[in-house]
Amino acid sequence: MSRRRLHQLAQASISCLIVSLIYLVRAGIRANHGDRDSDSDALAGANPRHVVLAGVVLAAKYLEDAPFSNCFFAAVGDVPVTELNALERALLRALHSDLYVGDELFTAYRGAVLCPLDATAPGGA
């Protein structure tokens, strides 16, 4: 993915990116513990970058007041919008439509993701 595309994707909030990571982990855990179905298989067979993008789309729609459109995300990720739509649906079904992330889980992931970044920042530990 080009730097320009990454910059566009970075317009999503940090919270959105962290929640999308939680969704991907949840879907992967369910698939690896015998809860496999056609949606899990569709996600496993897809380009990982496209699946990550579908996770960001779901998180943005759940969290953001005015999320970007699927067309925007498809253009940023250089993915056909029809493929992104299908992956979004497959991920949502793999998550059993459970998009809620509790405060404790979010805080744990936020710390794990941002602590390494804080340590490399000027004046960081």
C-alpha atoms as a PDB file:
ATOM      1  CA  MET A   1       0.000   0.000   0.000  1.00  0.00           C
ATOM      2  CA  SER A   2       1.414   3.390  -0.946  1.00  0.00           C
ATOM      3  CA  ARG A   3       2.210   6.106   1.572  1.00  0.00           C
ATOM      4  CA  ARG A   4      -0.629   8.229   0.210  1.00  0.00           C
ATOM      5  CA  ARG A   5      -3.113   5.398   0.726  1.00  0.00           C
ATOM      6  CA  LEU A   6      -1.823   4.784   4.252  1.00  0.00           C
ATOM      7  CA  HIS A   7      -2.228   8.487   5.013  1.00  0.00           C
ATOM      8  CA  GLN A   8      -5.823   8.386   3.759  1.00  0.00           C
ATOM      9  CA  LEU A   9      -6.535   5.295   5.836  1.00  0.00           C
ATOM     10  CA  ALA A  10      -4.988   7.013   8.844  1.00  0.00           C
ATOM     11  CA  GLN A  11      -7.839   9.512   8.720  1.00  0.00           C
ATOM     12  CA  ALA A  12      -9.781   6.852  10.604  1.00  0.00           C
ATOM     13  CA  SER A  13      -9.449   7.392  14.342  1.00  0.00           C
ATOM     14  CA  ILE A  14      -6.945   5.459  16.423  1.00  0.00           C
ATOM     15  CA  SER A  15      -9.923   3.966  18.260  1.00  0.00           C
ATOM     16  CA  CYS A  16     -11.310   2.717  14.966  1.00  0.00           C
ATOM     17  CA  LEU A  17      -8.007   1.064  14.047  1.00  0.00           C
ATOM     18  CA  ILE A  18      -7.688  -0.586  17.469  1.00  0.00           C
ATOM     19  CA  VAL A  19     -11.275  -1.895  17.395  1.00  0.00           C
ATOM     20  CA  SER A  20     -10.698  -3.268  13.896  1.00  0.00           C
ATOM     21  CA  LEU A  21      -7.699  -5.195  15.263  1.00  0.00           C
ATOM     22  CA  ILE A  22      -9.904  -6.648  18.013  1.00  0.00           C
ATOM     23  CA  TYR A  23     -12.472  -7.725  15.398  1.00  0.00           C
ATOM     24  CA  LEU A  24      -9.805  -9.489  13.351  1.00  0.00           C
ATOM     25  CA  VAL A  25      -8.449 -11.281  16.406  1.00  0.00           C
ATOM     26  CA  ARG A  26     -11.952 -12.344  17.447  1.00  0.00           C
ATOM     27  CA  ALA A  27     -12.747 -13.689  13.987  1.00  0.00           C
ATOM     28  CA  GLY A  28      -9.428 -15.546  13.880  1.00  0.00           C
ATOM     29  CA  ILE A  29      -9.928 -17.075  17.329  1.00  0.00           C
ATOM     30  CA  ARG A  30     -13.398 -18.296  16.413  1.00  0.00           C
ATOM     31  CA  ALA A  31     -12.132 -19.800  13.165  1.00  0.00           C
ATOM     32  CA  ASN A  32      -9.240 -21.544  14.943  1.00  0.00           C
ATOM     33  CA  HIS A  33     -11.477 -23.042  17.628  1.00  0.00           C
ATOM     34  CA  GLY A  34     -13.791 -25.050  15.440  1.00  0.00           C
ATOM     35  CA  ASP A  35     -16.292 -22.294  14.688  1.00  0.00           C
ATOM     36  CA  ARG A  36     -15.451 -22.438  10.981  1.00  0.00           C
ATOM     37  CA  ASP A  37     -18.041 -21.794   8.326  1.00  0.00           C
ATOM     38  CA  SER A  38     -18.148 -20.436   4.794  1.00  0.00           C
ATOM     39  CA  ASP A  39     -17.544 -16.910   6.105  1.00  0.00           C
ATOM     40  CA  SER A  40     -14.394 -17.990   7.943  1.00  0.00           C
ATOM     41  CA  ASP A  41     -13.239 -19.788   4.819  1.00  0.00           C
ATOM     42  CA  ALA A  42     -13.943 -16.699   2.675  1.00  0.00           C
ATOM     43  CA  LEU A  43     -11.886 -14.560   5.044  1.00  0.00           C
ATOM     44  CA  ALA A  44      -9.055 -17.099   5.221  1.00  0.00           C
ATOM     45  CA  GLY A  45      -8.866 -17.284   1.428  1.00  0.00           C
ATOM     46  CA  ALA A  46      -8.895 -13.514   0.877  1.00  0.00           C
ATOM     47  CA  ASN A  47      -5.989 -11.131   0.586  1.00  0.00           C
ATOM     48  CA  PRO A  48      -5.060 -10.291   4.218  1.00  0.00           C
ATOM     49  CA  ARG A  49      -4.780  -6.581   3.394  1.00  0.00           C
ATOM     50  CA  HIS A  50      -8.353  -6.638   2.096  1.00  0.00           C
ATOM     51  CA  VAL A  51      -9.590  -8.394   5.252  1.00  0.00           C
ATOM     52  CA  VAL A  52      -7.869  -5.771   7.422  1.00  0.00           C
ATOM     53  CA  LEU A  53      -9.573  -3.078   5.385  1.00  0.00           C
ATOM     54  CA  ALA A  54     -12.953  -4.778   5.923  1.00  0.00           C
ATOM     55  CA  GLY A  55     -12.245  -4.702   9.670  1.00  0.00           C
ATOM     56  CA  VAL A  56     -11.556  -0.974   9.511  1.00  0.00           C
ATOM     57  CA  VAL A  57     -14.815  -0.449   7.597  1.00  0.00           C
ATOM     58  CA  LEU A  58     -16.811  -2.327  10.243  1.00  0.00           C
ATOM     59  CA  ALA A  59     -15.152  -0.459  13.101  1.00  0.00           C
ATOM     60  CA  ALA A  60     -15.666   2.898  11.395  1.00  0.00           C
ATOM     61  CA  LYS A  61     -19.341   2.205  10.828  1.00  0.00           C
ATOM     62  CA  TYR A  62     -19.769   1.129  14.447  1.00  0.00           C
ATOM     63  CA  LEU A  63     -17.757   3.918  16.088  1.00  0.00           C
ATOM     64  CA  GLU A  64     -17.696   6.990  13.892  1.00  0.00           C
ATOM     65  CA  ASP A  65     -20.468   9.580  13.692  1.00  0.00           C
ATOM     66  CA  ALA A  66     -19.905  10.064   9.967  1.00  0.00           C
ATOM     67  CA  PRO A  67     -17.859   7.137   8.637  1.00  0.00           C
ATOM     68  CA  PHE A  68     -16.276   7.189   5.214  1.00  0.00           C
ATOM     69  CA  SER A  69     -18.139   5.288   2.522  1.00  0.00           C
ATOM     70  CA  ASN A  70     -17.190   1.819   1.303  1.00  0.00           C
ATOM     71  CA  CYS A  71     -16.312   3.446  -2.021  1.00  0.00           C
ATOM     72  CA  PHE A  72     -13.752   5.648  -0.230  1.00  0.00           C
ATOM     73  CA  PHE A  73     -12.212   2.709   1.620  1.00  0.00           C
ATOM     74  CA  ALA A  74     -12.191   0.595  -1.551  1.00  0.00           C
ATOM     75  CA  ALA A  75     -10.342   3.354  -3.402  1.00  0.00           C
ATOM     76  CA  VAL A  76      -7.844   3.775  -0.551  1.00  0.00           C
ATOM     77  CA  GLY A  77      -7.200   0.053  -0.371  1.00  0.00           C
ATOM     78  CA  ASP A  78      -7.235  -0.434  -4.132  1.00  0.00           C
ATOM     79  CA  VAL A  79      -9.902  -3.114  -3.691  1.00  0.00           C
ATOM     80  CA  PRO A  80     -13.006  -3.530  -5.845  1.00  0.00           C
ATOM     81  CA  VAL A  81     -15.935  -2.203  -3.813  1.00  0.00           C
ATOM     82  CA  THR A  82     -17.894  -5.407  -4.454  1.00  0.00           C
ATOM     83  CA  GLU A  83     -15.068  -7.451  -2.895  1.00  0.00           C
ATOM     84  CA  LEU A  84     -14.850  -5.095   0.086  1.00  0.00           C
ATOM     85  CA  ASN A  85     -18.618  -5.332   0.587  1.00  0.00           C
ATOM     86  CA  ALA A  86     -18.482  -9.145   0.499  1.00  0.00           C
ATOM     87  CA  LEU A  87     -15.585  -9.243   2.972  1.00  0.00           C
ATOM     88  CA  GLU A  88     -17.360  -6.803   5.279  1.00  0.00           C
ATOM     89  CA  ARG A  89     -20.437  -9.061   5.307  1.00  0.00           C
ATOM     90  CA  ALA A  90     -18.316 -12.193   5.846  1.00  0.00           C
ATOM     91  CA  LEU A  91     -16.437 -10.582   8.749  1.00  0.00           C
ATOM     92  CA  LEU A  92     -19.672  -9.353  10.323  1.00  0.00           C
ATOM     93  CA  ARG A  93     -21.122 -12.871  10.136  1.00  0.00           C
ATOM     94  CA  ALA A  94     -17.874 -14.399  11.450  1.00  0.00           C
ATOM     95  CA  LEU A  95     -18.228 -12.052  14.437  1.00  0.00           C
ATOM     96  CA  HIS A  96     -21.861 -13.135  14.874  1.00  0.00           C
ATOM     97  CA  SER A  97     -22.737  -9.436  14.485  1.00  0.00           C
ATOM     98  CA  ASP A  98     -21.135  -8.760  17.878  1.00  0.00           C
ATOM     99  CA  LEU A  99     -19.297  -5.473  17.351  1.00  0.00           C
ATOM    100  CA  TYR A 100     -19.310  -4.295  20.967  1.00  0.00           C
ATOM    101  CA  VAL A 101     -15.875  -3.947  22.572  1.00  0.00           C
ATOM    102  CA  GLY A 102     -15.771  -3.403  26.326  1.00  0.00           C
ATOM    103  CA  ASP A 103     -13.666  -0.706  27.953  1.00  0.00           C
ATOM    104  CA  GLU A 104     -11.277  -3.155  29.612  1.00  0.00           C
ATOM    105  CA  LEU A 105     -10.502  -5.017  26.387  1.00  0.00           C
ATOM    106  CA  PHE A 106     -10.150  -1.793  24.409  1.00  0.00           C
ATOM    107  CA  THR A 107      -7.802  -0.321  27.019  1.00  0.00           C
ATOM    108  CA  ALA A 108      -5.646  -3.453  27.005  1.00  0.00           C
ATOM    109  CA  TYR A 109      -5.311  -3.408  23.215  1.00  0.00           C
ATOM    110  CA  ARG A 110      -4.761   0.349  23.165  1.00  0.00           C
ATOM    111  CA  GLY A 111      -1.918  -0.020  25.647  1.00  0.00           C
ATOM    112  CA  ALA A 112      -0.360  -2.871  23.689  1.00  0.00           C
ATOM    113  CA  VAL A 113      -0.568  -0.951  20.414  1.00  0.00           C
ATOM    114  CA  LEU A 114       0.385   2.531  21.588  1.00  0.00           C
ATOM    115  CA  CYS A 115       3.009   1.783  24.271  1.00  0.00           C
ATOM    116  CA  PRO A 116       5.666   0.767  21.729  1.00  0.00           C
ATOM    117  CA  LEU A 117       4.892   3.953  19.788  1.00  0.00           C
ATOM    118  CA  ASP A 118       5.109   6.105  22.921  1.00  0.00           C
ATOM    119  CA  ALA A 119       8.513   4.635  23.769  1.00  0.00           C
ATOM    120  CA  THR A 120       9.951   5.620  20.370  1.00  0.00           C
ATOM    121  CA  ALA A 121       8.571   9.172  20.465  1.00  0.00           C
ATOM    122  CA  PRO A 122      10.944  11.998  21.360  1.00  0.00           C
ATOM    123  CA  GLY A 123      11.069  12.211  25.137  1.00  0.00           C
ATOM    124  CA  GLY A 124       9.503   8.724  25.437  1.00  0.00           C
ATOM    125  CA  ALA A 125      10.700   6.082  27.855  1.00  0.00           C
END
